[in-house]
Each structure stands twice: as structure tokens, then as C-alpha cells.
Amino acid sequence: MIKILHLITELDVGGAEQMLQKLVTHMDSGHFHNSVVSMTDRGVLGKKISSRGIRVFELGMSRGRPDPKGFFKFYRLLKKESPDIIQCWLYHADLLGLITGRAARIKKIAWGIRCSDMDFADYRFTTKTTVKLCAQLSSGLDGIVVNSEKGMEVHRQLGYFTEKMHLIPNGFDLTRFSPDNSAKGWLLNRLGLPRYTTLIGLVARYDPVKDHETFLKAAALLAETEKSAHFVLVGKEIGPENYKLRPLLGGPLKKRVHLLGYRQDIPRLTAAFDIASSASKGEGFSNTIGEAMACAIPCVATDAGDSARILGDTGIIIPPGDPKSLARAWRDVIARTPAERRTMGERARRRVAENFELGKVTRQFEAFYRHLLD
């Protein structure tokens, strides 16, 4: 039995957090024993993970602040649990996991890199410092899991030791994310919209890197000519209370944008879209795009991270930060016949099944962990 302890910054809803949840709940429990440690609190996903019989620990650290108490608490936990492997997820966890793991004499320590393009102007000083320090310490690791080719290249340029990097993409549950012919009618009824409405969706937490501004500027351009188009935004901090979004919601977008906030019914919402989008300036491996493809929804995405590699020839890729190109790509999809859009979505789902299906990705992680201990 291989004992793996996963360390992550937090367990609220995010791409890395969701991949961690999927991984630990799908690994072969006959050969792997997983436990999860959140540097902060249990969060939404911690409760879901523990409900599956996987132990979840909390260090109670404050976000963005160094905390010696957290170090000693984690050190004591490592000595008690004595895992074979520490798998760290995200930069702050990478740093804490390496320092504490070496002090506790854990056999193997692996990092997780989940992003690529980074504009450090959008991040705290502590995050920038942590990334630079991790680059200097990366040669002392046993392995690094990277979920995108772009992430590997960007971190090589940042000074990360690349010889121990292993590319493992995000994985998607094709039973949970699947086509649903009733989903669009359900959502239209909830929103009080007619059946001829075209729904364009963006599922992403509010964060500068997700670039909601470009999405909404493109929406305003499309709304001037496509009277049936409505725009559905889903994610943490996506609601009327977000004062940064308000200035972008007037003019042609008045009553055309629907801010749904954090939701737990993402599979059904995604399956309800006519077009799914990502407007990100930076990504590693976009969960939003992979989930929409699994639901057989046509996708338009910016060329950020590995989005072009994920979509292949099944969707449309446009430059980041270009509202005109985004609106033009939406018009292209809308102009296609229903049969053409359906074929576009079916090809996308097949691509996920062949390359990014959760079971296949989980087996890659299991092989990586076995290799670490060889």
C-alpha cells in the first residue's frame, strides 16, 4: 500500500482543488491510501472528500501570510502519518511541503504546477516571492507534475528544474459531464427566456486572469447584432455584489447578462449552453473547456495555456484580450447549422474521451507515484 498525503493551499472550488478531489476519489484504494491537508480550512471540497472516507486535515493558516505555527503543525502531522509521498498542489503548498517534508524525512516529495502564463502584477508580493523561491529549490525535488505543455515551458523560463517534470493533463468524468437535451430548456425556464435564445456561457471564478472584462466587451459587440444572444456567467464572486462588473453591464447588455454566482450544478449548466467560452489571459489546462467538450458543447477559447492543444480542431481559438475576435468567433458558431454545431460538439466529446478521460488520467498519476518509489 502506497501512502500519499496531498497538501494544497485551500479546498474551495477551483481547478486544482477539483482535480485533487477527482483524483483521490478515483484512485485504486486497494493499492493507494490517500489523505488530504488544507493549509487553510476544510472548504467546500474538503467536506465532499471526507464524505468519501478520505481523511482531510486543516492547518488553519491565514491566506497569503507566512505562519510558523502552520509549519510545526504540519511537521507533527507528517511524523504521525508517515506518508511515503507528499504530493503538493500550488505554489505555497509546494514551498511548505518541500521544507517541512525534508525536515520530517519523508521519502519522496512531488510538486504540482497548474498554471502557465502569469502576470505577476495581478498577484500578491508573497505569491511572487514564493514562485521565485520555488524555482531555486526545485532541483531538490523527486518529481513535478505539470498539467500543461505551456506550463512546462513557462516554468523552465522561470528557472524551474525541468528534468523531473511529468506532464499529466486534467481528467474529466464523462458520466458526470455528458450531453443533456433537457438542460437548455430547464435553464431558459429558470431565466425566463424564450426558446430561440442563444446561450453563451463562461464558467470561471472572478480573477483578473480569467478576463471577464474582455468577455463582456465581446458580449456587448455581439449583442448589438445578435438579438437572441444572452450571456451566462457562473463562478465564485460572479454576482450583482461584484462592483467591478457593474460598469460593463449597461448599454446593449442590459438584461442580457445573467450572473449566477457559485453553483453546484455545473454539469447541467454547462450542458445548457449553445457555446462555451474561456476568455482567460493565462491558463494551465482549462477545466471549463474540457467540461464543455465532454458535454458536446461547441467551444470558443483564447490561446492561453494549453487551450489550443485541448480543443484541437473541434473548436475556435482566438487571441487573448481581443473582444472583436471573440465576438467574431461567436458569430461564426452561431451562423452554422444546428447539424454542424452538433457535429462540432460530438467531435469535442470524442477528443476528451480519447485523451482526457478521468480513468486514463488517474492511471497516469498512479504510474507516476509507483515510479517515484522504484
Protein backbone atom coordinates (compact mmCIF):
# COMPACT_ATOMS: atom_id res chain seq x y z
CA MET A 1 0.00 0.00 0.00
CA ILE A 2 1.43 3.39 -1.03
CA LYS A 3 0.55 6.20 1.39
CA ILE A 4 0.15 9.60 -0.29
CA LEU A 5 -0.51 12.82 1.59
CA HIS A 6 -1.76 15.67 -0.61
CA LEU A 7 -1.03 19.23 0.55
CA ILE A 8 -3.00 22.09 -1.01
CA THR A 9 -3.43 25.77 -0.20
CA GLU A 10 -7.20 25.57 0.25
CA LEU A 11 -10.18 23.40 -0.64
CA ASP A 12 -12.62 25.93 -2.05
CA VAL A 13 -13.82 25.45 -5.61
CA GLY A 14 -11.05 25.88 -8.17
CA GLY A 15 -9.44 23.92 -10.98
CA ALA A 16 -6.59 22.41 -8.93
CA GLU A 17 -8.88 21.70 -5.99
CA GLN A 18 -11.41 19.92 -8.18
CA MET A 19 -8.71 17.83 -9.86
CA LEU A 20 -7.41 16.81 -6.44
CA GLN A 21 -10.92 15.78 -5.39
CA LYS A 22 -11.41 13.73 -8.55
CA LEU A 23 -8.02 12.07 -8.23
CA VAL A 24 -8.23 10.91 -4.60
CA THR A 25 -11.78 9.62 -5.03
CA HIS A 26 -10.95 7.61 -8.17
CA MET A 27 -7.55 6.09 -7.36
CA ASP A 28 -7.25 2.36 -6.69
CA SER A 29 -7.92 2.17 -2.95
CA GLY A 30 -6.51 -1.35 -2.88
CA HIS A 31 -3.02 -0.05 -3.68
CA PHE A 32 -3.09 3.63 -2.66
CA HIS A 33 -4.05 5.28 0.63
CA ASN A 34 -4.74 9.00 0.23
CA SER A 35 -5.17 11.76 2.78
CA VAL A 36 -5.54 15.50 2.17
CA VAL A 37 -4.20 18.51 4.08
CA SER A 38 -5.53 22.03 3.52
CA MET A 39 -3.22 24.83 4.62
CA THR A 40 -6.27 26.92 5.50
CA ASP A 41 -9.65 25.33 6.24
CA ARG A 42 -11.75 22.41 5.05
CA GLY A 43 -13.69 24.39 2.45
CA VAL A 44 -16.48 23.13 0.22
CA LEU A 45 -14.48 20.35 -1.40
CA GLY A 46 -12.91 19.14 1.85
CA LYS A 47 -16.34 18.15 3.08
CA LYS A 48 -17.03 16.24 -0.14
CA ILE A 49 -13.69 14.46 0.03
CA SER A 50 -14.14 13.41 3.67
CA SER A 51 -17.65 12.13 2.88
CA ARG A 52 -15.94 9.52 0.66
CA GLY A 53 -13.97 8.17 3.61
CA ILE A 54 -10.75 10.06 2.86
CA ARG A 55 -9.26 11.89 5.81
CA VAL A 56 -8.95 15.68 5.50
CA PHE A 57 -6.77 17.76 7.84
CA GLU A 58 -6.64 21.54 8.31
CA LEU A 59 -3.64 23.65 9.31
CA GLY A 60 -5.71 26.79 9.94
CA MET A 61 -3.20 29.15 8.31
CA SER A 62 -4.25 32.60 7.07
CA ARG A 63 -4.25 33.12 3.30
CA GLY A 64 -1.17 34.92 2.00
CA ARG A 65 0.67 35.09 5.34
CA PRO A 66 3.70 33.07 6.50
CA ASP A 67 2.79 31.18 9.69
CA PRO A 68 5.40 29.28 11.74
CA LYS A 69 2.58 27.60 13.68
CA GLY A 70 1.36 26.04 10.43
CA PHE A 71 4.84 24.68 9.75
CA PHE A 72 5.07 22.98 13.16
CA LYS A 73 1.51 21.67 12.93
CA PHE A 74 2.24 20.14 9.53
CA TYR A 75 5.56 18.74 10.77
CA ARG A 76 3.82 16.95 13.66
CA LEU A 77 1.18 15.62 11.27
CA LEU A 78 3.84 14.22 8.93
CA LYS A 79 5.64 12.48 11.78
CA LYS A 80 2.35 10.93 12.90
CA GLU A 81 1.07 9.91 9.44
CA SER A 82 4.47 9.00 7.94
CA PRO A 83 3.38 9.03 4.27
CA ASP A 84 5.54 7.55 1.52
CA ILE A 85 4.90 10.55 -0.73
CA ILE A 86 3.86 14.17 -0.24
CA GLN A 87 2.06 15.49 -3.33
CA CYS A 88 1.89 19.28 -3.19
CA TRP A 89 -0.64 21.33 -5.16
CA LEU A 90 0.00 25.04 -5.99
CA TYR A 91 2.95 27.28 -5.11
CA HIS A 92 2.51 27.94 -1.39
CA ALA A 93 1.86 24.26 -0.75
CA ASP A 94 4.91 23.39 -2.87
CA LEU A 95 7.15 25.51 -0.66
CA LEU A 96 5.70 24.33 2.66
CA GLY A 97 5.67 20.71 1.53
CA LEU A 98 9.32 20.69 0.48
CA ILE A 99 10.69 22.42 3.57
CA THR A 100 8.58 20.51 6.07
CA GLY A 101 8.81 17.20 4.23
CA ARG A 102 12.58 17.26 4.19
CA ALA A 103 12.66 18.18 7.89
CA ALA A 104 10.34 15.24 8.65
CA ARG A 105 12.43 12.88 6.44
CA ILE A 106 9.57 11.91 4.13
CA LYS A 107 10.76 9.51 1.41
CA LYS A 108 9.52 11.34 -1.68
CA ILE A 109 8.16 14.83 -2.34
CA ALA A 110 6.42 15.91 -5.55
CA TRP A 111 5.14 19.30 -6.58
CA GLY A 112 2.13 20.24 -8.70
CA ILE A 113 2.23 23.09 -11.23
CA ARG A 114 -1.22 24.02 -12.52
CA CYS A 115 -0.77 27.29 -14.40
CA SER A 116 1.30 28.75 -17.21
CA ASP A 117 1.07 32.40 -18.29
CA MET A 118 1.34 34.63 -15.22
CA ASP A 119 1.10 38.41 -14.97
CA PHE A 120 2.75 38.97 -11.59
CA ALA A 121 1.17 42.42 -11.38
CA ASP A 122 -2.11 40.64 -10.59
CA TYR A 123 -0.66 38.70 -7.62
CA ARG A 124 0.42 39.42 -4.05
CA PHE A 125 4.05 40.03 -3.16
CA THR A 126 4.07 36.77 -1.17
CA THR A 127 2.99 34.79 -4.23
CA LYS A 128 5.66 36.36 -6.45
CA THR A 129 8.32 35.68 -3.82
CA THR A 130 7.12 32.09 -3.36
CA VAL A 131 7.30 31.35 -7.11
CA LYS A 132 10.86 32.66 -7.32
CA LEU A 133 11.96 30.75 -4.22
CA CYS A 134 10.36 27.54 -5.54
CA ALA A 135 12.35 27.92 -8.76
CA GLN A 136 15.58 27.99 -6.75
CA LEU A 137 14.58 24.94 -4.68
CA SER A 138 13.06 22.83 -7.46
CA SER A 139 16.21 20.78 -8.13
CA GLY A 140 15.80 19.18 -4.70
CA LEU A 141 12.51 17.50 -5.60
CA ASP A 142 11.74 13.92 -6.52
CA GLY A 143 9.16 14.84 -9.18
CA ILE A 144 6.95 17.62 -10.51
CA VAL A 145 3.50 17.05 -12.05
CA VAL A 146 2.63 19.68 -14.66
CA ASN A 147 -0.78 19.71 -16.31
CA SER A 148 0.14 21.62 -19.46
CA GLU A 149 2.93 21.83 -22.03
CA LYS A 150 2.79 25.63 -21.78
CA GLY A 151 3.22 25.36 -18.03
CA MET A 152 6.38 23.31 -18.51
CA GLU A 153 7.84 25.89 -20.86
CA VAL A 154 6.90 28.92 -18.74
CA HIS A 155 8.37 27.39 -15.58
CA ARG A 156 11.53 26.39 -17.41
CA GLN A 157 11.94 30.07 -18.28
CA LEU A 158 11.32 30.97 -14.63
CA GLY A 159 14.23 28.77 -13.62
CA TYR A 160 12.43 25.61 -12.53
CA PHE A 161 14.33 22.32 -12.76
CA THR A 162 12.58 20.61 -15.67
CA GLU A 163 14.29 17.21 -15.78
CA LYS A 164 11.91 15.77 -13.19
CA MET A 165 8.72 17.22 -14.72
CA HIS A 166 5.96 14.83 -15.77
CA LEU A 167 3.08 16.01 -17.95
CA ILE A 168 -0.29 14.71 -16.73
CA PRO A 169 -3.36 16.58 -18.04
CA ASN A 170 -6.57 17.23 -16.17
CA GLY A 171 -9.14 14.46 -16.37
CA PHE A 172 -12.90 14.58 -16.88
CA ASP A 173 -15.69 12.29 -15.73
CA LEU A 174 -17.69 11.55 -18.88
CA THR A 175 -20.64 10.22 -16.90
CA ARG A 176 -20.94 13.42 -14.84
CA PHE A 177 -20.27 15.76 -17.77
CA SER A 178 -22.32 14.50 -20.70
CA PRO A 179 -24.86 15.78 -23.25
CA ASP A 180 -28.26 16.63 -21.75
CA ASN A 181 -31.02 17.51 -24.19
CA SER A 182 -33.26 18.82 -21.41
CA ALA A 183 -30.67 21.18 -19.89
CA LYS A 184 -31.19 24.19 -22.14
CA GLY A 185 -34.98 24.22 -21.72
CA TRP A 186 -34.51 23.92 -17.95
CA LEU A 187 -32.15 26.91 -17.82
CA LEU A 188 -34.25 29.04 -20.18
CA ASN A 189 -37.26 28.47 -17.93
CA ARG A 190 -35.21 29.47 -14.88
CA LEU A 191 -34.05 32.65 -16.59
CA GLY A 192 -37.44 33.46 -18.11
CA LEU A 193 -36.11 33.46 -21.67
CA PRO A 194 -37.73 32.30 -24.94
CA ARG A 195 -36.71 29.01 -26.56
CA TYR A 196 -34.99 30.69 -29.53
CA THR A 197 -32.40 32.29 -27.20
CA THR A 198 -28.71 31.57 -27.85
CA LEU A 199 -26.88 30.97 -24.56
CA ILE A 200 -23.16 31.77 -24.39
CA GLY A 201 -21.57 30.68 -21.15
CA LEU A 202 -18.45 31.40 -19.14
CA VAL A 203 -17.71 29.31 -16.03
CA ALA A 204 -14.88 30.90 -14.06
CA ARG A 205 -14.26 32.43 -10.64
CA TYR A 206 -13.73 36.18 -10.62
CA ASP A 207 -9.99 36.67 -11.09
CA PRO A 208 -8.06 39.09 -13.35
CA VAL A 209 -6.51 36.16 -15.22
CA LYS A 210 -9.98 34.93 -16.29
CA ASP A 211 -10.56 38.30 -18.02
CA HIS A 212 -14.29 38.76 -17.58
CA GLU A 213 -13.78 42.28 -18.95
CA THR A 214 -12.85 41.02 -22.41
CA PHE A 215 -15.74 38.53 -22.33
CA LEU A 216 -18.26 41.28 -21.52
CA LYS A 217 -16.83 43.72 -24.07
CA ALA A 218 -17.18 40.99 -26.71
CA ALA A 219 -20.70 40.29 -25.46
CA ALA A 220 -21.62 43.96 -25.96
CA LEU A 221 -20.36 43.82 -29.54
CA LEU A 222 -22.31 40.64 -30.30
CA ALA A 223 -25.45 41.86 -28.57
CA GLU A 224 -25.73 44.80 -30.97
CA THR A 225 -26.42 42.47 -33.92
CA GLU A 226 -27.49 39.13 -32.36
CA LYS A 227 -30.70 39.99 -30.55
CA SER A 228 -31.24 36.41 -29.40
CA ALA A 229 -27.86 36.15 -27.63
CA HIS A 230 -27.75 36.04 -23.84
CA PHE A 231 -24.67 35.57 -21.69
CA VAL A 232 -24.46 33.34 -18.62
CA LEU A 233 -21.61 33.86 -16.15
CA VAL A 234 -21.04 31.30 -13.39
CA GLY A 235 -18.44 31.22 -10.64
CA LYS A 236 -17.28 32.42 -7.27
CA GLU A 237 -17.82 36.18 -6.79
CA ILE A 238 -19.82 36.42 -10.02
CA GLY A 239 -22.90 38.29 -8.85
CA PRO A 240 -24.52 41.73 -8.57
CA GLU A 241 -22.38 42.43 -5.48
CA ASN A 242 -19.22 42.49 -7.64
CA TYR A 243 -18.79 46.23 -8.20
CA LYS A 244 -16.03 45.69 -10.79
CA LEU A 245 -18.52 44.02 -13.16
CA ARG A 246 -21.27 46.63 -12.88
CA PRO A 247 -19.79 49.24 -15.29
CA LEU A 248 -19.64 46.56 -18.01
CA LEU A 249 -23.28 45.53 -17.80
CA GLY A 250 -25.05 48.56 -19.29
CA GLY A 251 -25.90 49.56 -22.86
CA PRO A 252 -26.68 46.60 -25.15
CA LEU A 253 -26.03 44.16 -22.29
CA LYS A 254 -28.82 45.45 -20.08
CA LYS A 255 -30.94 42.40 -19.17
CA ARG A 256 -28.79 40.23 -21.46
CA VAL A 257 -26.19 39.07 -18.87
CA HIS A 258 -27.10 36.58 -16.15
CA LEU A 259 -24.77 36.40 -13.15
CA LEU A 260 -25.40 33.09 -11.40
CA GLY A 261 -22.54 33.12 -8.88
CA TYR A 262 -21.19 29.94 -7.33
CA ARG A 263 -23.23 26.88 -8.28
CA GLN A 264 -23.01 23.16 -7.59
CA ASP A 265 -24.93 22.13 -10.73
CA ILE A 266 -22.12 22.96 -13.19
CA PRO A 267 -22.63 19.82 -15.34
CA ARG A 268 -26.25 20.71 -16.10
CA LEU A 269 -25.50 24.41 -16.59
CA THR A 270 -22.64 23.63 -18.97
CA ALA A 271 -24.81 21.23 -20.97
CA ALA A 272 -27.37 24.04 -21.35
CA PHE A 273 -25.03 26.36 -23.26
CA ASP A 274 -25.08 26.75 -27.03
CA ILE A 275 -21.48 27.96 -26.88
CA ALA A 276 -18.98 27.66 -24.02
CA SER A 277 -16.13 30.14 -23.74
CA SER A 278 -12.89 30.85 -21.97
CA ALA A 279 -11.57 34.42 -22.16
CA SER A 280 -8.54 33.78 -19.95
CA LYS A 281 -5.26 35.66 -20.28
CA GLY A 282 -3.49 32.73 -18.65
CA GLU A 283 -4.34 29.08 -18.06
CA GLY A 284 -2.65 25.78 -17.47
CA PHE A 285 -5.22 23.23 -18.52
CA SER A 286 -8.71 24.74 -18.69
CA ASN A 287 -11.32 22.71 -16.78
CA THR A 288 -14.07 24.89 -18.22
CA ILE A 289 -13.16 23.94 -21.78
CA GLY A 290 -12.69 20.24 -21.00
CA GLU A 291 -16.04 20.04 -19.21
CA ALA A 292 -17.88 21.76 -22.06
CA MET A 293 -16.27 19.45 -24.60
CA ALA A 294 -17.36 16.46 -22.51
CA CYS A 295 -20.92 17.84 -22.70
CA ALA A 296 -20.58 18.09 -26.52
CA ILE A 297 -20.85 21.90 -26.44
CA PRO A 298 -19.03 23.93 -29.14
CA CYS A 299 -16.20 25.97 -27.60
CA VAL A 300 -14.52 29.28 -28.28
CA ALA A 301 -11.39 29.92 -26.22
CA THR A 302 -8.42 32.23 -26.01
CA ASP A 303 -4.98 30.91 -26.87
CA ALA A 304 -3.90 30.67 -23.23
CA GLY A 305 -2.03 27.76 -21.71
CA ASP A 306 -2.86 24.51 -23.47
CA SER A 307 -6.35 25.50 -24.65
CA ALA A 308 -5.43 25.15 -28.33
CA ARG A 309 -3.98 21.67 -27.68
CA ILE A 310 -7.08 20.65 -25.72
CA LEU A 311 -9.53 21.80 -28.39
CA GLY A 312 -7.55 20.58 -31.38
CA ASP A 313 -9.74 21.08 -34.45
CA THR A 314 -13.02 20.82 -32.50
CA GLY A 315 -13.40 24.50 -31.56
CA ILE A 316 -12.20 28.02 -32.28
CA ILE A 317 -9.10 29.62 -30.74
CA ILE A 318 -8.70 33.42 -30.65
CA PRO A 319 -6.04 35.75 -29.19
CA PRO A 320 -6.35 36.77 -25.52
CA GLY A 321 -7.59 40.27 -24.72
CA ASP A 322 -9.30 40.78 -28.11
CA PRO A 323 -13.06 41.39 -27.76
CA LYS A 324 -13.57 41.80 -31.53
CA SER A 325 -12.04 38.40 -32.29
CA LEU A 326 -14.11 36.77 -29.55
CA ALA A 327 -17.36 38.30 -30.83
CA ARG A 328 -16.43 37.30 -34.40
CA ALA A 329 -15.81 33.69 -33.33
CA TRP A 330 -19.19 33.53 -31.58
CA ARG A 331 -20.85 34.81 -34.76
CA ASP A 332 -19.07 32.09 -36.71
CA VAL A 333 -20.52 29.35 -34.48
CA ILE A 334 -23.99 30.91 -34.42
CA ALA A 335 -24.03 31.09 -38.24
CA ARG A 336 -23.52 27.32 -38.53
CA THR A 337 -26.46 24.99 -38.96
CA PRO A 338 -27.73 23.01 -35.94
CA ALA A 339 -26.29 19.84 -37.53
CA GLU A 340 -22.87 21.47 -37.95
CA ARG A 341 -22.85 22.67 -34.33
CA ARG A 342 -23.91 19.21 -33.17
CA THR A 343 -21.08 17.59 -35.15
CA MET A 344 -18.66 20.12 -33.68
CA GLY A 345 -19.73 19.15 -30.15
CA GLU A 346 -19.66 15.40 -30.82
CA ARG A 347 -16.09 15.62 -32.10
CA ALA A 348 -15.12 17.55 -28.98
CA ARG A 349 -16.56 14.88 -26.68
CA ARG A 350 -14.71 12.14 -28.57
CA ARG A 351 -11.47 14.08 -28.17
CA VAL A 352 -11.94 14.22 -24.39
CA ALA A 353 -12.77 10.51 -24.26
CA GLU A 354 -9.64 9.63 -26.20
CA ASN A 355 -7.19 11.96 -24.44
CA PHE A 356 -8.50 13.32 -21.14
CA GLU A 357 -10.92 10.78 -19.67
CA LEU A 358 -10.65 10.70 -15.86
CA GLY A 359 -9.87 6.98 -15.55
CA LYS A 360 -6.97 7.25 -18.00
CA VAL A 361 -5.57 10.33 -16.25
CA THR A 362 -5.89 8.65 -12.83
CA ARG A 363 -3.84 5.69 -14.11
CA GLN A 364 -1.14 8.15 -15.18
CA PHE A 365 -0.96 9.58 -11.66
CA GLU A 366 -0.78 6.07 -10.19
CA ALA A 367 2.08 5.17 -12.54
CA PHE A 368 3.88 8.37 -11.56
CA TYR A 369 3.65 7.54 -7.85
CA ARG A 370 4.87 3.98 -8.40
CA HIS A 371 7.78 5.35 -10.42
CA LEU A 372 8.74 7.71 -7.56
CA LEU A 373 9.18 4.77 -5.20
CA ASP A 374 11.05 2.50 -7.63
